[in-house]
C-alpha atoms as a PDB file:
ATOM      1  CA  ARG A   1       0.054   0.135   0.100  1.00  0.00           C
ATOM      2  CA  LEU A   2       0.980   3.549  -0.452  1.00  0.00           C
ATOM      3  CA  VAL A   3       1.174   6.597   1.800  1.00  0.00           C
ATOM      4  CA  LYS A   4       0.314   9.983   0.618  1.00  0.00           C
ATOM      5  CA  THR A   5       3.310  12.200   1.953  1.00  0.00           C
ATOM      6  CA  GLU A   6       2.707  16.019   2.246  1.00  0.00           C
ATOM      7  CA  SER A   7       6.191  16.903   3.497  1.00  0.00           C
ATOM      8  CA  GLY A   8       7.927  17.714   0.326  1.00  0.00           C
ATOM      9  CA  CYS A   9       9.251  21.188  -0.336  1.00  0.00           C
ATOM     10  CA  VAL A  10       9.106  20.515  -4.132  1.00  0.00           C
ATOM     11  CA  LEU A  11       7.254  17.282  -4.892  1.00  0.00           C
ATOM     12  CA  ASN A  12       4.076  17.711  -2.757  1.00  0.00           C
ATOM     13  CA  PRO A  13       2.025  15.536  -2.391  1.00  0.00           C
ATOM     14  CA  PHE A  14       3.854  12.353  -3.369  1.00  0.00           C
ATOM     15  CA  TYR A  15       3.324   8.828  -2.709  1.00  0.00           C
ATOM     16  CA  ILE A  16       5.815   6.251  -1.193  1.00  0.00           C
ATOM     17  CA  THR A  17       5.311   2.614   0.176  1.00  0.00           C
ATOM     18  CA  GLU A  18       3.949   2.023   3.454  1.00  0.00           C
ATOM     19  CA  ALA A  19       6.649  -0.290   4.483  1.00  0.00           C
ATOM     20  CA  VAL A  20       8.828   2.721   5.120  1.00  0.00           C
ATOM     21  CA  PHE A  21       6.595   3.452   8.036  1.00  0.00           C
ATOM     22  CA  SER A  22       6.250  -0.075   9.594  1.00  0.00           C
ATOM     23  CA  HIS A  23       9.847  -0.749  10.763  1.00  0.00           C
ATOM     24  CA  ASP A  24      11.826   0.823  13.683  1.00  0.00           C
ATOM     25  CA  VAL A  25      14.792   1.987  11.466  1.00  0.00           C
ATOM     26  CA  ILE A  26      15.450   1.941   7.789  1.00  0.00           C
ATOM     27  CA  VAL A  27      18.901   1.017   6.504  1.00  0.00           C
ATOM     28  CA  ASP A  28      19.720   2.467   3.200  1.00  0.00           C
ATOM     29  CA  LEU A  29      22.215   0.223   0.912  1.00  0.00           C
ATOM     30  CA  PRO A  30      23.132   2.080  -1.904  1.00  0.00           C
ATOM     31  CA  LYS A  31      25.682   1.414  -4.753  1.00  0.00           C
ATOM     32  CA  LEU A  32      28.137   3.974  -5.951  1.00  0.00           C
ATOM     33  CA  LYS A  33      27.121   4.838  -9.503  1.00  0.00           C
ATOM     34  CA  LEU A  34      27.011   7.877 -11.943  1.00  0.00           C
ATOM     35  CA  HIS A  35      23.830   8.714 -13.527  1.00  0.00           C
ATOM     36  CA  ARG A  36      22.977  10.606 -16.443  1.00  0.00           C
ATOM     37  CA  LEU A  37      20.354  12.959 -14.762  1.00  0.00           C
ATOM     38  CA  ALA A  38      21.344  12.803 -11.167  1.00  0.00           C
ATOM     39  CA  ARG A  39      25.181  12.898 -12.019  1.00  0.00           C
ATOM     40  CA  TYR A  40      25.926  10.734  -9.158  1.00  0.00           C
ATOM     41  CA  THR A  41      23.751   8.266  -7.138  1.00  0.00           C
ATOM     42  CA  GLY A  42      23.998   7.238  -3.712  1.00  0.00           C
ATOM     43  CA  ALA A  43      22.064   7.437  -0.464  1.00  0.00           C
ATOM     44  CA  ILE A  44      19.711  10.114  -1.559  1.00  0.00           C
ATOM     45  CA  LYS A  45      19.034   8.734  -4.832  1.00  0.00           C
ATOM     46  CA  ASN A  46      18.545   5.302  -3.886  1.00  0.00           C
ATOM     47  CA  LEU A  47      15.520   5.803  -1.695  1.00  0.00           C
ATOM     48  CA  TYR A  48      13.786   7.109  -4.875  1.00  0.00           C
ATOM     49  CA  GLY A  49      13.235   3.466  -4.864  1.00  0.00           C
ATOM     50  CA  CYS A  50      10.695   3.887  -2.194  1.00  0.00           C
ATOM     51  CA  VAL A  51       8.458   5.449  -4.877  1.00  0.00           C
ATOM     52  CA  PRO A  52       6.135   3.201  -6.718  1.00  0.00           C
ATOM     53  CA  GLY A  53       7.097   2.132 -10.396  1.00  0.00           C
ATOM     54  CA  GLY A  54       4.469   4.207 -12.266  1.00  0.00           C
ATOM     55  CA  ALA A  55       4.781   7.208  -9.888  1.00  0.00           C
ATOM     56  CA  LYS A  56       8.414   7.586 -10.570  1.00  0.00           C
ATOM     57  CA  GLN A  57       7.757   8.305 -14.393  1.00  0.00           C
ATOM     58  CA  LEU A  58       4.664  10.622 -13.503  1.00  0.00           C
ATOM     59  CA  TYR A  59       6.918  12.656 -11.042  1.00  0.00           C
ATOM     60  CA  HIS A  60       9.608  12.995 -13.878  1.00  0.00           C
ATOM     61  CA  MET A  61       7.086  14.044 -16.326  1.00  0.00           C
ATOM     62  CA  LEU A  62       5.857  16.678 -14.260  1.00  0.00           C
ATOM     63  CA  TYR A  63       9.051  18.573 -14.500  1.00  0.00           C
ATOM     64  CA  GLN A  64      10.832  17.593 -17.527  1.00  0.00           C
ATOM     65  CA  GLU A  65       9.620  20.524 -19.497  1.00  0.00           C
ATOM     66  CA  ARG A  66      11.722  22.834 -17.167  1.00  0.00           C
ATOM     67  CA  PRO A  67      14.756  24.491 -18.608  1.00  0.00           C
ATOM     68  CA  ASP A  68      16.502  23.614 -15.202  1.00  0.00           C
ATOM     69  CA  TYR A  69      15.177  20.169 -15.146  1.00  0.00           C
ATOM     70  CA  GLN A  70      18.557  18.665 -14.345  1.00  0.00           C
ATOM     71  CA  GLU A  71      19.210  20.841 -11.435  1.00  0.00           C
ATOM     72  CA  TYR A  72      15.423  21.040 -10.080  1.00  0.00           C
ATOM     73  CA  TRP A  73      15.334  17.178 -10.061  1.00  0.00           C
ATOM     74  CA  GLY A  74      17.373  17.490  -6.683  1.00  0.00           C
ATOM     75  CA  GLY A  75      14.355  18.769  -4.819  1.00  0.00           C
ATOM     76  CA  PRO A  76      12.370  15.842  -5.441  1.00  0.00           C
ATOM     77  CA  LEU A  77      14.933  13.310  -4.415  1.00  0.00           C
ATOM     78  CA  VAL A  78      15.624  15.179  -1.301  1.00  0.00           C
ATOM     79  CA  ASP A  79      11.989  15.227  -0.689  1.00  0.00           C
ATOM     80  CA  VAL A  80      11.812  11.574  -0.770  1.00  0.00           C
ATOM     81  CA  TYR A  81      15.055  11.056   1.444  1.00  0.00           C
ATOM     82  CA  GLU A  82      13.602  13.326   4.134  1.00  0.00           C
ATOM     83  CA  ALA A  83      10.402  11.456   4.188  1.00  0.00           C
ATOM     84  CA  VAL A  84      12.000   8.114   4.540  1.00  0.00           C
ATOM     85  CA  SER A  85      14.707   9.352   7.092  1.00  0.00           C
ATOM     86  CA  PRO A  86      17.081   6.321   7.178  1.00  0.00           C
ATOM     87  CA  GLY A  87      18.767   5.827  10.347  1.00  0.00           C
ATOM     88  CA  LEU A  88      21.818   4.285   8.949  1.00  0.00           C
ATOM     89  CA  THR A  89      23.358   4.002   5.477  1.00  0.00           C
ATOM     90  CA  VAL A  90      25.849   1.705   4.214  1.00  0.00           C
ATOM     91  CA  MET A  91      27.106   2.162   0.756  1.00  0.00           C
ATOM     92  CA  ASP A  92      29.010  -0.591  -1.468  1.00  0.00           C
ATOM     93  CA  ALA A  93      31.659   1.225  -3.317  1.00  0.00           C
ATOM     94  CA  VAL A  94      33.828  -1.638  -3.623  1.00  0.00           C
ATOM     95  CA  VAL A  95      33.168  -1.699  -7.393  1.00  0.00           C
ATOM     96  CA  GLY A  96      31.306   1.363  -8.574  1.00  0.00           C
ATOM     97  CA  LEU A  97      29.858   2.334 -11.766  1.00  0.00           C
ATOM     98  CA  ASP A  98      31.840   4.797 -13.863  1.00  0.00           C
ATOM     99  CA  GLU A  99      30.958   6.860 -16.961  1.00  0.00           C
ATOM    100  CA  ASP A 100      27.832   6.210 -18.494  1.00  0.00           C
ATOM    101  CA  GLY A 101      25.542   5.094 -15.807  1.00  0.00           C
ATOM    102  CA  PRO A 102      23.327   3.959 -14.284  1.00  0.00           C
ATOM    103  CA  ALA A 103      22.358   1.439 -16.805  1.00  0.00           C
ATOM    104  CA  ALA A 104      24.332  -1.535 -17.895  1.00  0.00           C
ATOM    105  CA  ASN A 105      26.302   0.662 -20.360  1.00  0.00           C
ATOM    106  CA  GLY A 106      28.167   2.349 -17.479  1.00  0.00           C
ATOM    107  CA  THR A 107      31.717   0.902 -16.624  1.00  0.00           C
ATOM    108  CA  PRO A 108      32.518  -1.329 -13.631  1.00  0.00           C
ATOM    109  CA  ARG A 109      35.200   0.622 -11.516  1.00  0.00           C
ATOM    110  CA  GLN A 110      37.356  -0.963  -8.754  1.00  0.00           C
ATOM    111  CA  THR A 111      37.040   1.639  -6.032  1.00  0.00           C
ATOM    112  CA  GLY A 112      37.634  -0.356  -2.850  1.00  0.00           C
ATOM    113  CA  ALA A 113      35.581   1.110  -0.355  1.00  0.00           C
ATOM    114  CA  LEU A 114      32.664   0.646   1.969  1.00  0.00           C
ATOM    115  CA  LEU A 115      31.200   3.752   3.549  1.00  0.00           C
ATOM    116  CA  ALA A 116      28.877   4.122   6.608  1.00  0.00           C
ATOM    117  CA  SER A 117      26.942   6.991   8.005  1.00  0.00           C
ATOM    118  CA  THR A 118      23.914   8.021   9.903  1.00  0.00           C
ATOM    119  CA  ASN A 119      23.673  11.169   7.657  1.00  0.00           C
ATOM    120  CA  GLY A 120      23.333   9.732   4.172  1.00  0.00           C
ATOM    121  CA  ALA A 121      23.874  13.266   2.800  1.00  0.00           C
ATOM    122  CA  ALA A 122      27.008  13.539   4.592  1.00  0.00           C
ATOM    123  CA  LEU A 123      28.055   9.974   3.218  1.00  0.00           C
ATOM    124  CA  ASP A 124      27.189  11.087  -0.359  1.00  0.00           C
ATOM    125  CA  MET A 125      29.487  14.231   0.127  1.00  0.00           C
ATOM    126  CA  ALA A 126      32.165  12.237   1.148  1.00  0.00           C
ATOM    127  CA  ALA A 127      31.516   9.511  -1.691  1.00  0.00           C
ATOM    128  CA  CYS A 128      31.879  12.852  -4.075  1.00  0.00           C
ATOM    129  CA  ARG A 129      35.037  13.797  -2.795  1.00  0.00           C
ATOM    130  CA  MET A 130      36.441  10.351  -3.013  1.00  0.00           C
ATOM    131  CA  ILE A 131      35.690  10.054  -6.846  1.00  0.00           C
ATOM    132  CA  GLY A 132      36.728  13.904  -7.542  1.00  0.00           C
ATOM    133  CA  PHE A 133      33.364  15.474  -7.747  1.00  0.00           C
ATOM    134  CA  ASP A 134      32.285  18.737  -6.209  1.00  0.00           C
ATOM    135  CA  PRO A 135      29.176  17.792  -4.029  1.00  0.00           C
ATOM    136  CA  LEU A 136      27.635  20.990  -5.122  1.00  0.00           C
ATOM    137  CA  TRP A 137      27.749  19.939  -8.447  1.00  0.00           C
ATOM    138  CA  VAL A 138      25.102  17.055  -7.845  1.00  0.00           C
ATOM    139  CA  PRO A 139      21.889  18.603  -7.842  1.00  0.00           C
ATOM    140  CA  ALA A 140      20.443  16.331  -4.810  1.00  0.00           C
ATOM    141  CA  LEU A 141      23.540  17.176  -2.845  1.00  0.00           C
ATOM    142  CA  ALA A 142      23.225  20.972  -3.568  1.00  0.00           C
ATOM    143  CA  GLU A 143      19.621  20.701  -2.421  1.00  0.00           C
ATOM    144  CA  ALA A 144      20.507  18.703   0.565  1.00  0.00           C
ATOM    145  CA  ALA A 145      23.012  21.462   1.773  1.00  0.00           C
ATOM    146  CA  ARG A 146      20.476  24.164   1.105  1.00  0.00           C
ATOM    147  CA  ARG A 147      18.081  22.543   3.597  1.00  0.00           C
ATOM    148  CA  GLY A 148      20.745  21.964   6.005  1.00  0.00           C
ATOM    149  CA  LEU A 149      20.897  18.319   6.111  1.00  0.00           C
ATOM    150  CA  ALA A 150      24.850  18.254   5.489  1.00  0.00           C
ATOM    151  CA  ASP A 151      27.682  20.939   4.910  1.00  0.00           C
ATOM    152  CA  PRO A 152      30.099  19.683   2.329  1.00  0.00           C
ATOM    153  CA  GLY A 153      32.942  21.615   4.010  1.00  0.00           C
ATOM    154  CA  ALA A 154      32.294  20.125   7.527  1.00  0.00           C
ATOM    155  CA  VAL A 155      31.979  16.532   6.511  1.00  0.00           C
ATOM    156  CA  ALA A 156      34.590  14.702   8.597  1.00  0.00           C
ATOM    157  CA  VAL A 157      35.682  11.335   7.598  1.00  0.00           C
ATOM    158  CA  LYS A 158      36.884   8.583  10.121  1.00  0.00           C
ATOM    159  CA  GLY A 159      39.502   6.274   8.656  1.00  0.00           C
ATOM    160  CA  GLU A 160      41.069   6.403   4.746  1.00  0.00           C
ATOM    161  CA  LEU A 161      39.042   7.874   2.069  1.00  0.00           C
ATOM    162  CA  PRO A 162      40.553   6.761  -1.077  1.00  0.00           C
ATOM    163  CA  SER A 163      40.966   8.861  -4.087  1.00  0.00           C
ATOM    164  CA  VAL A 164      39.694   7.234  -7.094  1.00  0.00           C
ATOM    165  CA  PRO A 165      38.758   9.722  -9.792  1.00  0.00           C
ATOM    166  CA  TYR A 166      35.664   8.948 -11.921  1.00  0.00           C
ATOM    167  CA  VAL A 167      34.572  10.478 -15.250  1.00  0.00           C
ATOM    168  CA  LYS A 168      32.411  13.382 -15.058  1.00  0.00           C
ATOM    169  CA  LEU A 169      29.501  13.069 -17.520  1.00  0.00           C
ATOM    170  CA  PRO A 170      28.720  15.884 -20.012  1.00  0.00           C
END
């Protein structure tokens, strides 16, 4: 079943699966990938999967005529992330998807990292640093920073964060 959610700053109302609200904690398990629209996909983008199939396409269609669509799309992604509110994010970045993601035409990339945080936005910002991206270049992370979910200049990392540059999509 679906739950109508009216907490979004951009996407309001929207529907997400009821299962999100029937557990004590949500653990977000993203894979590190590049993405043609989102530029980078991790903790925030992964939770868009809580939106049921057909609704995902409908929400995309609502905004795709906007001239700033790619930048604007960060808002709906952060709306869903905030509604789901994961308690823990663990990212599999052992082998990421570089270049032309997120589909099978991307290139697997040995990255060699597992990342974990109670703040998925901060985790995404650290992952972007790891792959050589400015977090604010990623629309969802720029929106997360505007909303005060994480500050890219203040994200602290415990342990070694490797430097594995990925290809910035045009």
